[in-house]
Amino acid sequence: MSTFPTAAEARAGSRNNLVIHAEIRSIEQAIYQAIENGEYEVEIDNSPMTNAFDINYQDEEVVDPSDYFATLFTDVNSRTLTEQVLLVQKTFVDLGYQITPLKNSRTGNTFKWRILW
């Protein structure tokens, strides 16, 4: 699976793909840094889906990370947000990583990724 949209997807206005792409790139950067540090796992709480700080939620294009938390850990069901999280997970599982969304106890209303390799 390519994380870069095809021309047809771009024409379809696939904002969903842009969110997924941004999350994947953020996770990749964290993994590269962990590899450079000689680590075999990383927890990420500062990606677009997980970051509870320094985001302008007034921007209609930005999803509040607590909405992802609610979709993952409560009875709230958003098909779009669930699909985004599952596609991010699939991308890294297909590359051989173990990736798990966990409740972020520091915030109480966001999640963090735990990634092992």
PDB file of N, CA and C in Angstrom:
ATOM      1  N   MET A   1       0.839  -1.181   0.000  1.00  0.00           N
ATOM      2  CA  MET A   1       0.000   0.000   0.000  1.00  0.00           C
ATOM      3  C   MET A   1       0.881   1.241   0.000  1.00  0.00           C
ATOM      4  N   SER A   2       0.597   2.131  -0.874  1.00  0.00           N
ATOM      5  CA  SER A   2       1.309   3.392  -0.915  1.00  0.00           C
ATOM      6  C   SER A   2       0.612   4.386   0.005  1.00  0.00           C
ATOM      7  N   THR A   3       1.399   5.148   0.742  1.00  0.00           N
ATOM      8  CA  THR A   3       0.806   6.158   1.610  1.00  0.00           C
ATOM      9  C   THR A   3       0.635   7.479   0.880  1.00  0.00           C
ATOM     10  N   PHE A   4       1.145   7.541  -0.350  1.00  0.00           N
ATOM     11  CA  PHE A   4       0.974   8.741  -1.154  1.00  0.00           C
ATOM     12  C   PHE A   4      -0.225   8.519  -2.060  1.00  0.00           C
ATOM     13  N   PRO A   5      -1.153   9.478  -2.114  1.00  0.00           N
ATOM     14  CA  PRO A   5      -2.372   9.261  -2.892  1.00  0.00           C
ATOM     15  C   PRO A   5      -2.104   9.195  -4.394  1.00  0.00           C
ATOM     16  N   THR A   6      -2.866   8.348  -5.048  1.00  0.00           N
ATOM     17  CA  THR A   6      -2.817   8.300  -6.504  1.00  0.00           C
ATOM     18  C   THR A   6      -3.482   9.568  -7.046  1.00  0.00           C
ATOM     19  N   ALA A   7      -3.313   9.811  -8.320  1.00  0.00           N
ATOM     20  CA  ALA A   7      -3.943  10.989  -8.930  1.00  0.00           C
ATOM     21  C   ALA A   7      -5.462  10.916  -8.792  1.00  0.00           C
ATOM     22  N   ALA A   8      -6.020   9.729  -8.976  1.00  0.00           N
ATOM     23  CA  ALA A   8      -7.475   9.572  -8.857  1.00  0.00           C
ATOM     24  C   ALA A   8      -7.942   9.877  -7.440  1.00  0.00           C
ATOM     25  N   GLU A   9      -7.190   9.427  -6.441  1.00  0.00           N
ATOM     26  CA  GLU A   9      -7.544   9.717  -5.043  1.00  0.00           C
ATOM     27  C   GLU A   9      -7.431  11.208  -4.751  1.00  0.00           C
ATOM     28  N   ALA A  10      -6.399  11.835  -5.282  1.00  0.00           N
ATOM     29  CA  ALA A  10      -6.229  13.267  -5.066  1.00  0.00           C
ATOM     30  C   ALA A  10      -7.389  14.043  -5.683  1.00  0.00           C
ATOM     31  N   ARG A  11      -7.807  13.625  -6.881  1.00  0.00           N
ATOM     32  CA  ARG A  11      -8.940  14.286  -7.533  1.00  0.00           C
ATOM     33  C   ARG A  11     -10.219  14.092  -6.732  1.00  0.00           C
ATOM     34  N   ALA A  12     -10.334  12.976  -6.052  1.00  0.00           N
ATOM     35  CA  ALA A  12     -11.535  12.694  -5.265  1.00  0.00           C
ATOM     36  C   ALA A  12     -11.549  13.503  -3.970  1.00  0.00           C
ATOM     37  N   GLY A  13     -10.504  14.293  -3.739  1.00  0.00           N
ATOM     38  CA  GLY A  13     -10.475  15.130  -2.545  1.00  0.00           C
ATOM     39  C   GLY A  13     -10.304  14.322  -1.279  1.00  0.00           C
ATOM     40  N   SER A  14      -9.441  13.361  -1.325  1.00  0.00           N
ATOM     41  CA  SER A  14      -9.292  12.414  -0.241  1.00  0.00           C
ATOM     42  C   SER A  14      -8.538  13.005   0.948  1.00  0.00           C
ATOM     43  N   ARG A  15      -9.213  13.850   1.715  1.00  0.00           N
ATOM     44  CA  ARG A  15      -8.632  14.431   2.927  1.00  0.00           C
ATOM     45  C   ARG A  15      -8.238  13.332   3.905  1.00  0.00           C
ATOM     46  N   ASN A  16      -8.997  12.254   3.889  1.00  0.00           N
ATOM     47  CA  ASN A  16      -8.710  11.103   4.733  1.00  0.00           C
ATOM     48  C   ASN A  16      -7.282  10.619   4.513  1.00  0.00           C
ATOM     49  N   ASN A  17      -6.847  10.546   3.251  1.00  0.00           N
ATOM     50  CA  ASN A  17      -5.491  10.095   2.944  1.00  0.00           C
ATOM     51  C   ASN A  17      -4.435  11.066   3.458  1.00  0.00           C
ATOM     52  N   LEU A  18      -4.729  12.347   3.450  1.00  0.00           N
ATOM     53  CA  LEU A  18      -3.772  13.325   3.959  1.00  0.00           C
ATOM     54  C   LEU A  18      -3.545  13.151   5.449  1.00  0.00           C
ATOM     55  N   VAL A  19      -4.603  12.859   6.185  1.00  0.00           N
ATOM     56  CA  VAL A  19      -4.490  12.622   7.624  1.00  0.00           C
ATOM     57  C   VAL A  19      -3.644  11.375   7.876  1.00  0.00           C
ATOM     58  N   ILE A  20      -3.924  10.327   7.153  1.00  0.00           N
ATOM     59  CA  ILE A  20      -3.188   9.073   7.301  1.00  0.00           C
ATOM     60  C   ILE A  20      -1.721   9.291   6.951  1.00  0.00           C
ATOM     61  N   HIS A  21      -1.467   9.982   5.864  1.00  0.00           N
ATOM     62  CA  HIS A  21      -0.098  10.255   5.433  1.00  0.00           C
ATOM     63  C   HIS A  21       0.672  11.038   6.498  1.00  0.00           C
ATOM     64  N   ALA A  22       0.060  12.070   7.063  1.00  0.00           N
ATOM     65  CA  ALA A  22       0.724  12.876   8.091  1.00  0.00           C
ATOM     66  C   ALA A  22       1.046  12.036   9.322  1.00  0.00           C
ATOM     67  N   GLU A  23       0.127  11.167   9.711  1.00  0.00           N
ATOM     68  CA  GLU A  23       0.361  10.312  10.892  1.00  0.00           C
ATOM     69  C   GLU A  23       1.501   9.334  10.628  1.00  0.00           C
ATOM     70  N   ILE A  24       1.486   8.719   9.465  1.00  0.00           N
ATOM     71  CA  ILE A  24       2.537   7.757   9.118  1.00  0.00           C
ATOM     72  C   ILE A  24       3.902   8.440   9.095  1.00  0.00           C
ATOM     73  N   ARG A  25       3.986   9.604   8.494  1.00  0.00           N
ATOM     74  CA  ARG A  25       5.275  10.318   8.431  1.00  0.00           C
ATOM     75  C   ARG A  25       5.772  10.696   9.829  1.00  0.00           C
ATOM     76  N   SER A  26       4.864  11.090  10.694  1.00  0.00           N
ATOM     77  CA  SER A  26       5.239  11.440  12.060  1.00  0.00           C
ATOM     78  C   SER A  26       5.774  10.213  12.811  1.00  0.00           C
ATOM     79  N   ILE A  27       5.116   9.093  12.641  1.00  0.00           N
ATOM     80  CA  ILE A  27       5.560   7.848  13.280  1.00  0.00           C
ATOM     81  C   ILE A  27       6.901   7.407  12.713  1.00  0.00           C
ATOM     82  N   GLU A  28       7.065   7.521  11.404  1.00  0.00           N
ATOM     83  CA  GLU A  28       8.345   7.158  10.788  1.00  0.00           C
ATOM     84  C   GLU A  28       9.489   7.962  11.388  1.00  0.00           C
ATOM     85  N   GLN A  29       9.290   9.254  11.569  1.00  0.00           N
ATOM     86  CA  GLN A  29      10.343  10.095  12.151  1.00  0.00           C
ATOM     87  C   GLN A  29      10.698   9.634  13.560  1.00  0.00           C
ATOM     88  N   ALA A  30       9.692   9.283  14.345  1.00  0.00           N
ATOM     89  CA  ALA A  30       9.938   8.811  15.712  1.00  0.00           C
ATOM     90  C   ALA A  30      10.692   7.481  15.702  1.00  0.00           C
ATOM     91  N   ILE A  31      10.355   6.615  14.763  1.00  0.00           N
ATOM     92  CA  ILE A  31      11.051   5.329  14.654  1.00  0.00           C
ATOM     93  C   ILE A  31      12.506   5.549  14.242  1.00  0.00           C
ATOM     94  N   TYR A  32      12.731   6.408  13.262  1.00  0.00           N
ATOM     95  CA  TYR A  32      14.112   6.704  12.856  1.00  0.00           C
ATOM     96  C   TYR A  32      14.937   7.218  14.033  1.00  0.00           C
ATOM     97  N   GLN A  33      14.348   8.105  14.822  1.00  0.00           N
ATOM     98  CA  GLN A  33      15.067   8.647  15.986  1.00  0.00           C
ATOM     99  C   GLN A  33      15.362   7.539  17.003  1.00  0.00           C
ATOM    100  N   ALA A  34      14.402   6.676  17.249  1.00  0.00           N
ATOM    101  CA  ALA A  34      14.616   5.564  18.190  1.00  0.00           C
ATOM    102  C   ALA A  34      15.696   4.614  17.681  1.00  0.00           C
ATOM    103  N   ILE A  35      15.694   4.334  16.390  1.00  0.00           N
ATOM    104  CA  ILE A  35      16.728   3.476  15.804  1.00  0.00           C
ATOM    105  C   ILE A  35      18.096   4.118  15.995  1.00  0.00           C
ATOM    106  N   GLU A  36      18.171   5.417  15.721  1.00  0.00           N
ATOM    107  CA  GLU A  36      19.435   6.134  15.893  1.00  0.00           C
ATOM    108  C   GLU A  36      19.919   6.062  17.347  1.00  0.00           C
ATOM    109  N   ASN A  37      18.971   6.032  18.291  1.00  0.00           N
ATOM    110  CA  ASN A  37      19.311   5.947  19.713  1.00  0.00           C
ATOM    111  C   ASN A  37      19.557   4.511  20.178  1.00  0.00           C
ATOM    112  N   GLY A  38      19.473   3.538  19.263  1.00  0.00           N
ATOM    113  CA  GLY A  38      19.717   2.141  19.607  1.00  0.00           C
ATOM    114  C   GLY A  38      18.560   1.484  20.348  1.00  0.00           C
ATOM    115  N   GLU A  39      17.358   2.021  20.194  1.00  0.00           N
ATOM    116  CA  GLU A  39      16.187   1.487  20.885  1.00  0.00           C
ATOM    117  C   GLU A  39      15.409   0.549  19.968  1.00  0.00           C
ATOM    118  N   TYR A  40      14.567  -0.282  20.584  1.00  0.00           N
ATOM    119  CA  TYR A  40      13.768  -1.251  19.843  1.00  0.00           C
ATOM    120  C   TYR A  40      12.272  -1.043  20.045  1.00  0.00           C
ATOM    121  N   GLU A  41      11.930   0.088  20.593  1.00  0.00           N
ATOM    122  CA  GLU A  41      10.529   0.439  20.763  1.00  0.00           C
ATOM    123  C   GLU A  41      10.427   1.948  20.943  1.00  0.00           C
ATOM    124  N   VAL A  42       9.208   2.448  20.722  1.00  0.00           N
ATOM    125  CA  VAL A  42       8.971   3.871  20.904  1.00  0.00           C
ATOM    126  C   VAL A  42       7.503   4.070  21.263  1.00  0.00           C
ATOM    127  N   GLU A  43       7.251   5.038  22.118  1.00  0.00           N
ATOM    128  CA  GLU A  43       5.889   5.466  22.401  1.00  0.00           C
ATOM    129  C   GLU A  43       5.741   6.875  21.855  1.00  0.00           C
ATOM    130  N   ILE A  44       4.665   7.094  21.122  1.00  0.00           N
ATOM    131  CA  ILE A  44       4.470   8.355  20.423  1.00  0.00           C
ATOM    132  C   ILE A  44       3.180   9.012  20.898  1.00  0.00           C
ATOM    133  N   ASP A  45       3.316  10.214  21.448  1.00  0.00           N
ATOM    134  CA  ASP A  45       2.133  10.965  21.875  1.00  0.00           C
ATOM    135  C   ASP A  45       2.144  12.385  21.322  1.00  0.00           C
ATOM    136  N   ASN A  46       2.943  12.596  20.288  1.00  0.00           N
ATOM    137  CA  ASN A  46       3.029  13.940  19.705  1.00  0.00           C
ATOM    138  C   ASN A  46       2.814  13.938  18.195  1.00  0.00           C
ATOM    139  N   SER A  47       2.092  12.950  17.706  1.00  0.00           N
ATOM    140  CA  SER A  47       1.752  12.879  16.282  1.00  0.00           C
ATOM    141  C   SER A  47       0.408  13.578  16.060  1.00  0.00           C
ATOM    142  N   PRO A  48       0.016  13.797  14.822  1.00  0.00           N
ATOM    143  CA  PRO A  48      -1.258  14.486  14.576  1.00  0.00           C
ATOM    144  C   PRO A  48      -2.475  13.820  15.235  1.00  0.00           C
ATOM    145  N   MET A  49      -2.499  12.492  15.311  1.00  0.00           N
ATOM    146  CA  MET A  49      -3.643  11.813  15.918  1.00  0.00           C
ATOM    147  C   MET A  49      -3.569  11.768  17.445  1.00  0.00           C
ATOM    148  N   THR A  50      -2.372  11.924  17.997  1.00  0.00           N
ATOM    149  CA  THR A  50      -2.198  11.734  19.434  1.00  0.00           C
ATOM    150  C   THR A  50      -1.881  12.998  20.216  1.00  0.00           C
ATOM    151  N   ASN A  51      -1.452  14.037  19.562  1.00  0.00           N
ATOM    152  CA  ASN A  51      -0.955  15.237  20.242  1.00  0.00           C
ATOM    153  C   ASN A  51      -2.097  16.075  20.815  1.00  0.00           C
ATOM    154  N   ALA A  52      -2.110  16.212  22.130  1.00  0.00           N
ATOM    155  CA  ALA A  52      -3.150  16.997  22.787  1.00  0.00           C
ATOM    156  C   ALA A  52      -2.731  18.452  22.981  1.00  0.00           C
ATOM    157  N   PHE A  53      -1.543  18.807  22.530  1.00  0.00           N
ATOM    158  CA  PHE A  53      -1.007  20.132  22.795  1.00  0.00           C
ATOM    159  C   PHE A  53      -0.601  20.825  21.500  1.00  0.00           C
ATOM    160  N   ASP A  54      -0.663  22.128  21.498  1.00  0.00           N
ATOM    161  CA  ASP A  54      -0.161  22.964  20.404  1.00  0.00           C
ATOM    162  C   ASP A  54      -0.839  22.710  19.066  1.00  0.00           C
ATOM    163  N   ILE A  55      -2.119  22.404  19.086  1.00  0.00           N
ATOM    164  CA  ILE A  55      -2.860  22.229  17.839  1.00  0.00           C
ATOM    165  C   ILE A  55      -4.015  23.224  17.829  1.00  0.00           C
ATOM    166  N   ASN A  56      -4.249  23.818  16.685  1.00  0.00           N
ATOM    167  CA  ASN A  56      -5.336  24.779  16.548  1.00  0.00           C
ATOM    168  C   ASN A  56      -6.618  24.033  16.179  1.00  0.00           C
ATOM    169  N   TYR A  57      -7.447  23.743  17.187  1.00  0.00           N
ATOM    170  CA  TYR A  57      -8.681  23.000  16.943  1.00  0.00           C
ATOM    171  C   TYR A  57      -9.763  23.865  16.308  1.00  0.00           C
ATOM    172  N   GLN A  58      -9.519  25.152  16.196  1.00  0.00           N
ATOM    173  CA  GLN A  58     -10.474  26.024  15.525  1.00  0.00           C
ATOM    174  C   GLN A  58     -10.428  25.777  14.024  1.00  0.00           C
ATOM    175  N   ASP A  59      -9.322  25.236  13.554  1.00  0.00           N
ATOM    176  CA  ASP A  59      -9.165  24.905  12.142  1.00  0.00           C
ATOM    177  C   ASP A  59     -10.032  23.684  11.843  1.00  0.00           C
ATOM    178  N   GLU A  60     -10.994  23.833  10.957  1.00  0.00           N
ATOM    179  CA  GLU A  60     -11.925  22.745  10.665  1.00  0.00           C
ATOM    180  C   GLU A  60     -11.239  21.542  10.038  1.00  0.00           C
ATOM    181  N   GLU A  61     -10.035  21.721   9.525  1.00  0.00           N
ATOM    182  CA  GLU A  61      -9.301  20.626   8.897  1.00  0.00           C
ATOM    183  C   GLU A  61      -8.632  19.715   9.922  1.00  0.00           C
ATOM    184  N   VAL A  62      -8.507  20.163  11.175  1.00  0.00           N
ATOM    185  CA  VAL A  62      -7.790  19.421  12.201  1.00  0.00           C
ATOM    186  C   VAL A  62      -8.787  18.704  13.101  1.00  0.00           C
ATOM    187  N   VAL A  63      -8.592  17.395  13.260  1.00  0.00           N
ATOM    188  CA  VAL A  63      -9.433  16.610  14.155  1.00  0.00           C
ATOM    189  C   VAL A  63      -8.824  16.666  15.546  1.00  0.00           C
ATOM    190  N   ASP A  64      -9.642  16.929  16.536  1.00  0.00           N
ATOM    191  CA  ASP A  64      -9.192  16.935  17.922  1.00  0.00           C
ATOM    192  C   ASP A  64      -8.757  15.516  18.282  1.00  0.00           C
ATOM    193  N   PRO A  65      -7.517  15.322  18.773  1.00  0.00           N
ATOM    194  CA  PRO A  65      -7.052  13.977  19.122  1.00  0.00           C
ATOM    195  C   PRO A  65      -7.948  13.259  20.133  1.00  0.00           C
ATOM    196  N   SER A  66      -8.698  14.000  20.941  1.00  0.00           N
ATOM    197  CA  SER A  66      -9.608  13.329  21.871  1.00  0.00           C
ATOM    198  C   SER A  66     -10.728  12.602  21.124  1.00  0.00           C
ATOM    199  N   ASP A  67     -11.008  13.012  19.889  1.00  0.00           N
ATOM    200  CA  ASP A  67     -11.998  12.295  19.079  1.00  0.00           C
ATOM    201  C   ASP A  67     -11.481  10.910  18.679  1.00  0.00           C
ATOM    202  N   TYR A  68     -10.176  10.809  18.405  1.00  0.00           N
ATOM    203  CA  TYR A  68      -9.589   9.496  18.128  1.00  0.00           C
ATOM    204  C   TYR A  68      -9.663   8.621  19.375  1.00  0.00           C
ATOM    205  N   PHE A  69      -9.349   9.212  20.527  1.00  0.00           N
ATOM    206  CA  PHE A  69      -9.425   8.485  21.801  1.00  0.00           C
ATOM    207  C   PHE A  69     -10.841   7.955  22.017  1.00  0.00           C
ATOM    208  N   ALA A  70     -11.825   8.812  21.832  1.00  0.00           N
ATOM    209  CA  ALA A  70     -13.216   8.408  22.034  1.00  0.00           C
ATOM    210  C   ALA A  70     -13.601   7.265  21.096  1.00  0.00           C
ATOM    211  N   THR A  71     -13.136   7.331  19.871  1.00  0.00           N
ATOM    212  CA  THR A  71     -13.435   6.281  18.901  1.00  0.00           C
ATOM    213  C   THR A  71     -12.788   4.950  19.303  1.00  0.00           C
ATOM    214  N   LEU A  72     -11.576   5.029  19.843  1.00  0.00           N
ATOM    215  CA  LEU A  72     -10.850   3.811  20.214  1.00  0.00           C
ATOM    216  C   LEU A  72     -11.288   3.215  21.539  1.00  0.00           C
ATOM    217  N   PHE A  73     -11.608   4.058  22.516  1.00  0.00           N
ATOM    218  CA  PHE A  73     -11.758   3.574  23.888  1.00  0.00           C
ATOM    219  C   PHE A  73     -13.117   3.835  24.537  1.00  0.00           C
ATOM    220  N   THR A  74     -14.071   4.376  23.807  1.00  0.00           N
ATOM    221  CA  THR A  74     -15.406   4.581  24.370  1.00  0.00           C
ATOM    222  C   THR A  74     -16.440   4.045  23.385  1.00  0.00           C
ATOM    223  N   ASP A  75     -17.687   4.310  23.670  1.00  0.00           N
ATOM    224  CA  ASP A  75     -18.771   3.841  22.805  1.00  0.00           C
ATOM    225  C   ASP A  75     -18.981   4.724  21.580  1.00  0.00           C
ATOM    226  N   VAL A  76     -18.232   5.815  21.488  1.00  0.00           N
ATOM    227  CA  VAL A  76     -18.342   6.686  20.320  1.00  0.00           C
ATOM    228  C   VAL A  76     -17.834   5.919  19.113  1.00  0.00           C
ATOM    229  N   ASN A  77     -18.561   5.992  18.021  1.00  0.00           N
ATOM    230  CA  ASN A  77     -18.150   5.253  16.836  1.00  0.00           C
ATOM    231  C   ASN A  77     -18.095   6.191  15.636  1.00  0.00           C
ATOM    232  N   SER A  78     -16.880   6.443  15.175  1.00  0.00           N
ATOM    233  CA  SER A  78     -16.691   7.223  13.958  1.00  0.00           C
ATOM    234  C   SER A  78     -16.019   6.325  12.932  1.00  0.00           C
ATOM    235  N   ARG A  79     -16.751   5.982  11.920  1.00  0.00           N
ATOM    236  CA  ARG A  79     -16.215   5.087  10.884  1.00  0.00           C
ATOM    237  C   ARG A  79     -14.954   5.666  10.251  1.00  0.00           C
ATOM    238  N   THR A  80     -14.970   6.962   9.983  1.00  0.00           N
ATOM    239  CA  THR A  80     -13.830   7.613   9.337  1.00  0.00           C
ATOM    240  C   THR A  80     -12.592   7.556  10.221  1.00  0.00           C
ATOM    241  N   LEU A  81     -12.739   7.920  11.503  1.00  0.00           N
ATOM    242  CA  LEU A  81     -11.581   7.926  12.397  1.00  0.00           C
ATOM    243  C   LEU A  81     -11.078   6.511  12.656  1.00  0.00           C
ATOM    244  N   THR A  82     -11.989   5.559  12.794  1.00  0.00           N
ATOM    245  CA  THR A  82     -11.588   4.164  12.978  1.00  0.00           C
ATOM    246  C   THR A  82     -10.800   3.683  11.770  1.00  0.00           C
ATOM    247  N   GLU A  83     -11.282   4.006  10.577  1.00  0.00           N
ATOM    248  CA  GLU A  83     -10.592   3.608   9.350  1.00  0.00           C
ATOM    249  C   GLU A  83      -9.193   4.222   9.280  1.00  0.00           C
ATOM    250  N   GLN A  84      -9.071   5.480   9.668  1.00  0.00           N
ATOM    251  CA  GLN A  84      -7.770   6.133   9.641  1.00  0.00           C
ATOM    252  C   GLN A  84      -6.783   5.418  10.568  1.00  0.00           C
ATOM    253  N   VAL A  85      -7.208   5.136  11.792  1.00  0.00           N
ATOM    254  CA  VAL A  85      -6.338   4.455  12.756  1.00  0.00           C
ATOM    255  C   VAL A  85      -5.960   3.065  12.237  1.00  0.00           C
ATOM    256  N   LEU A  86      -6.926   2.330  11.722  1.00  0.00           N
ATOM    257  CA  LEU A  86      -6.644   0.977  11.230  1.00  0.00           C
ATOM    258  C   LEU A  86      -5.687   0.985  10.041  1.00  0.00           C
ATOM    259  N   LEU A  87      -5.808   1.967   9.165  1.00  0.00           N
ATOM    260  CA  LEU A  87      -4.892   2.041   8.021  1.00  0.00           C
ATOM    261  C   LEU A  87      -3.468   2.392   8.459  1.00  0.00           C
ATOM    262  N   VAL A  88      -3.346   3.263   9.457  1.00  0.00           N
ATOM    263  CA  VAL A  88      -2.013   3.560   9.997  1.00  0.00           C
ATOM    264  C   VAL A  88      -1.424   2.291  10.600  1.00  0.00           C
ATOM    265  N   GLN A  89      -2.210   1.594  11.412  1.00  0.00           N
ATOM    266  CA  GLN A  89      -1.723   0.350  12.017  1.00  0.00           C
ATOM    267  C   GLN A  89      -1.314  -0.655  10.948  1.00  0.00           C
ATOM    268  N   LYS A  90      -2.153  -0.849   9.948  1.00  0.00           N
ATOM    269  CA  LYS A  90      -1.874  -1.825   8.888  1.00  0.00           C
ATOM    270  C   LYS A  90      -0.562  -1.507   8.181  1.00  0.00           C
ATOM    271  N   THR A  91      -0.313  -0.240   7.938  1.00  0.00           N
ATOM    272  CA  THR A  91       0.918   0.159   7.265  1.00  0.00           C
ATOM    273  C   THR A  91       2.141  -0.363   8.016  1.00  0.00           C
ATOM    274  N   PHE A  92       2.146  -0.199   9.338  1.00  0.00           N
ATOM    275  CA  PHE A  92       3.308  -0.607  10.113  1.00  0.00           C
ATOM    276  C   PHE A  92       3.330  -2.107  10.399  1.00  0.00           C
ATOM    277  N   VAL A  93       2.174  -2.718  10.559  1.00  0.00           N
ATOM    278  CA  VAL A  93       2.112  -4.178  10.727  1.00  0.00           C
ATOM    279  C   VAL A  93       2.650  -4.849   9.460  1.00  0.00           C
ATOM    280  N   ASP A  94       2.269  -4.322   8.304  1.00  0.00           N
ATOM    281  CA  ASP A  94       2.755  -4.880   7.034  1.00  0.00           C
ATOM    282  C   ASP A  94       4.272  -4.750   6.901  1.00  0.00           C
ATOM    283  N   LEU A  95       4.871  -3.809   7.627  1.00  0.00           N
ATOM    284  CA  LEU A  95       6.328  -3.634   7.615  1.00  0.00           C
ATOM    285  C   LEU A  95       7.021  -4.448   8.717  1.00  0.00           C
ATOM    286  N   GLY A  96       6.230  -5.199   9.497  1.00  0.00           N
ATOM    287  CA  GLY A  96       6.796  -6.064  10.521  1.00  0.00           C
ATOM    288  C   GLY A  96       6.835  -5.487  11.930  1.00  0.00           C
ATOM    289  N   TYR A  97       6.229  -4.330  12.127  1.00  0.00           N
ATOM    290  CA  TYR A  97       6.204  -3.704  13.445  1.00  0.00           C
ATOM    291  C   TYR A  97       4.989  -4.170  14.232  1.00  0.00           C
ATOM    292  N   GLN A  98       5.103  -4.128  15.549  1.00  0.00           N
ATOM    293  CA  GLN A  98       3.938  -4.287  16.414  1.00  0.00           C
ATOM    294  C   GLN A  98       3.536  -2.879  16.827  1.00  0.00           C
ATOM    295  N   ILE A  99       2.301  -2.487  16.542  1.00  0.00           N
ATOM    296  CA  ILE A  99       1.840  -1.128  16.835  1.00  0.00           C
ATOM    297  C   ILE A  99       0.498  -1.209  17.541  1.00  0.00           C
ATOM    298  N   THR A 100       0.446  -0.592  18.713  1.00  0.00           N
ATOM    299  CA  THR A 100      -0.739  -0.673  19.552  1.00  0.00           C
ATOM    300  C   THR A 100      -1.133   0.718  20.046  1.00  0.00           C
ATOM    301  N   PRO A 101      -2.397   1.080  19.899  1.00  0.00           N
ATOM    302  CA  PRO A 101      -2.845   2.323  20.514  1.00  0.00           C
ATOM    303  C   PRO A 101      -3.145   2.062  21.994  1.00  0.00           C
ATOM    304  N   LEU A 102      -2.637   2.923  22.868  1.00  0.00           N
ATOM    305  CA  LEU A 102      -2.843   2.804  24.310  1.00  0.00           C
ATOM    306  C   LEU A 102      -3.417   4.100  24.857  1.00  0.00           C
ATOM    307  N   LYS A 103      -4.171   4.005  25.935  1.00  0.00           N
ATOM    308  CA  LYS A 103      -4.660   5.216  26.596  1.00  0.00           C
ATOM    309  C   LYS A 103      -3.467   6.005  27.119  1.00  0.00           C
ATOM    310  N   ASN A 104      -3.487   7.292  26.916  1.00  0.00           N
ATOM    311  CA  ASN A 104      -2.433   8.158  27.417  1.00  0.00           C
ATOM    312  C   ASN A 104      -2.844   8.645  28.807  1.00  0.00           C
ATOM    313  N   SER A 105      -2.244   8.057  29.836  1.00  0.00           N
ATOM    314  CA  SER A 105      -2.628   8.395  31.208  1.00  0.00           C
ATOM    315  C   SER A 105      -2.227   9.823  31.578  1.00  0.00           C
ATOM    316  N   ARG A 106      -1.302  10.392  30.834  1.00  0.00           N
ATOM    317  CA  ARG A 106      -0.876  11.764  31.098  1.00  0.00           C
ATOM    318  C   ARG A 106      -1.976  12.770  30.781  1.00  0.00           C
ATOM    319  N   THR A 107      -2.771  12.479  29.754  1.00  0.00           N
ATOM    320  CA  THR A 107      -3.825  13.413  29.359  1.00  0.00           C
ATOM    321  C   THR A 107      -5.210  12.932  29.774  1.00  0.00           C
ATOM    322  N   GLY A 108      -5.421  11.633  29.757  1.00  0.00           N
ATOM    323  CA  GLY A 108      -6.720  11.085  30.114  1.00  0.00           C
ATOM    324  C   GLY A 108      -7.745  11.093  29.003  1.00  0.00           C
ATOM    325  N   ASN A 109      -7.475  11.801  27.919  1.00  0.00           N
ATOM    326  CA  ASN A 109      -8.452  11.848  26.827  1.00  0.00           C
ATOM    327  C   ASN A 109      -7.806  11.754  25.445  1.00  0.00           C
ATOM    328  N   THR A 110      -6.569  11.291  25.398  1.00  0.00           N
ATOM    329  CA  THR A 110      -5.900  11.028  24.123  1.00  0.00           C
ATOM    330  C   THR A 110      -5.229   9.672  24.203  1.00  0.00           C
ATOM    331  N   PHE A 111      -4.747   9.198  23.063  1.00  0.00           N
ATOM    332  CA  PHE A 111      -4.034   7.931  23.071  1.00  0.00           C
ATOM    333  C   PHE A 111      -2.599   8.141  22.633  1.00  0.00           C
ATOM    334  N   LYS A 112      -1.805   7.107  22.786  1.00  0.00           N
ATOM    335  CA  LYS A 112      -0.431   7.116  22.296  1.00  0.00           C
ATOM    336  C   LYS A 112      -0.206   5.803  21.560  1.00  0.00           C
ATOM    337  N   TRP A 113       0.726   5.838  20.646  1.00  0.00           N
ATOM    338  CA  TRP A 113       1.124   4.623  19.931  1.00  0.00           C
ATOM    339  C   TRP A 113       2.286   3.983  20.677  1.00  0.00           C
ATOM    340  N   ARG A 114       2.255   2.672  20.825  1.00  0.00           N
ATOM    341  CA  ARG A 114       3.412   1.928  21.306  1.00  0.00           C
ATOM    342  C   ARG A 114       3.832   1.040  20.143  1.00  0.00           C
ATOM    343  N   ILE A 115       5.081   1.203  19.723  1.00  0.00           N
ATOM    344  CA  ILE A 115       5.595   0.490  18.551  1.00  0.00           C
ATOM    345  C   ILE A 115       6.832  -0.282  18.951  1.00  0.00           C
ATOM    346  N   LEU A 116       6.848  -1.561  18.619  1.00  0.00           N
ATOM    347  CA  LEU A 116       7.974  -2.451  18.915  1.00  0.00           C
ATOM    348  C   LEU A 116       8.492  -3.054  17.613  1.00  0.00           C
ATOM    349  N   TRP A 117       9.806  -3.302  17.602  1.00  0.00           N
ATOM    350  CA  TRP A 117      10.411  -3.996  16.457  1.00  0.00           C
ATOM    351  C   TRP A 117      11.545  -4.870  16.905  1.00  0.00           C
TER     352      TRP A 117
END
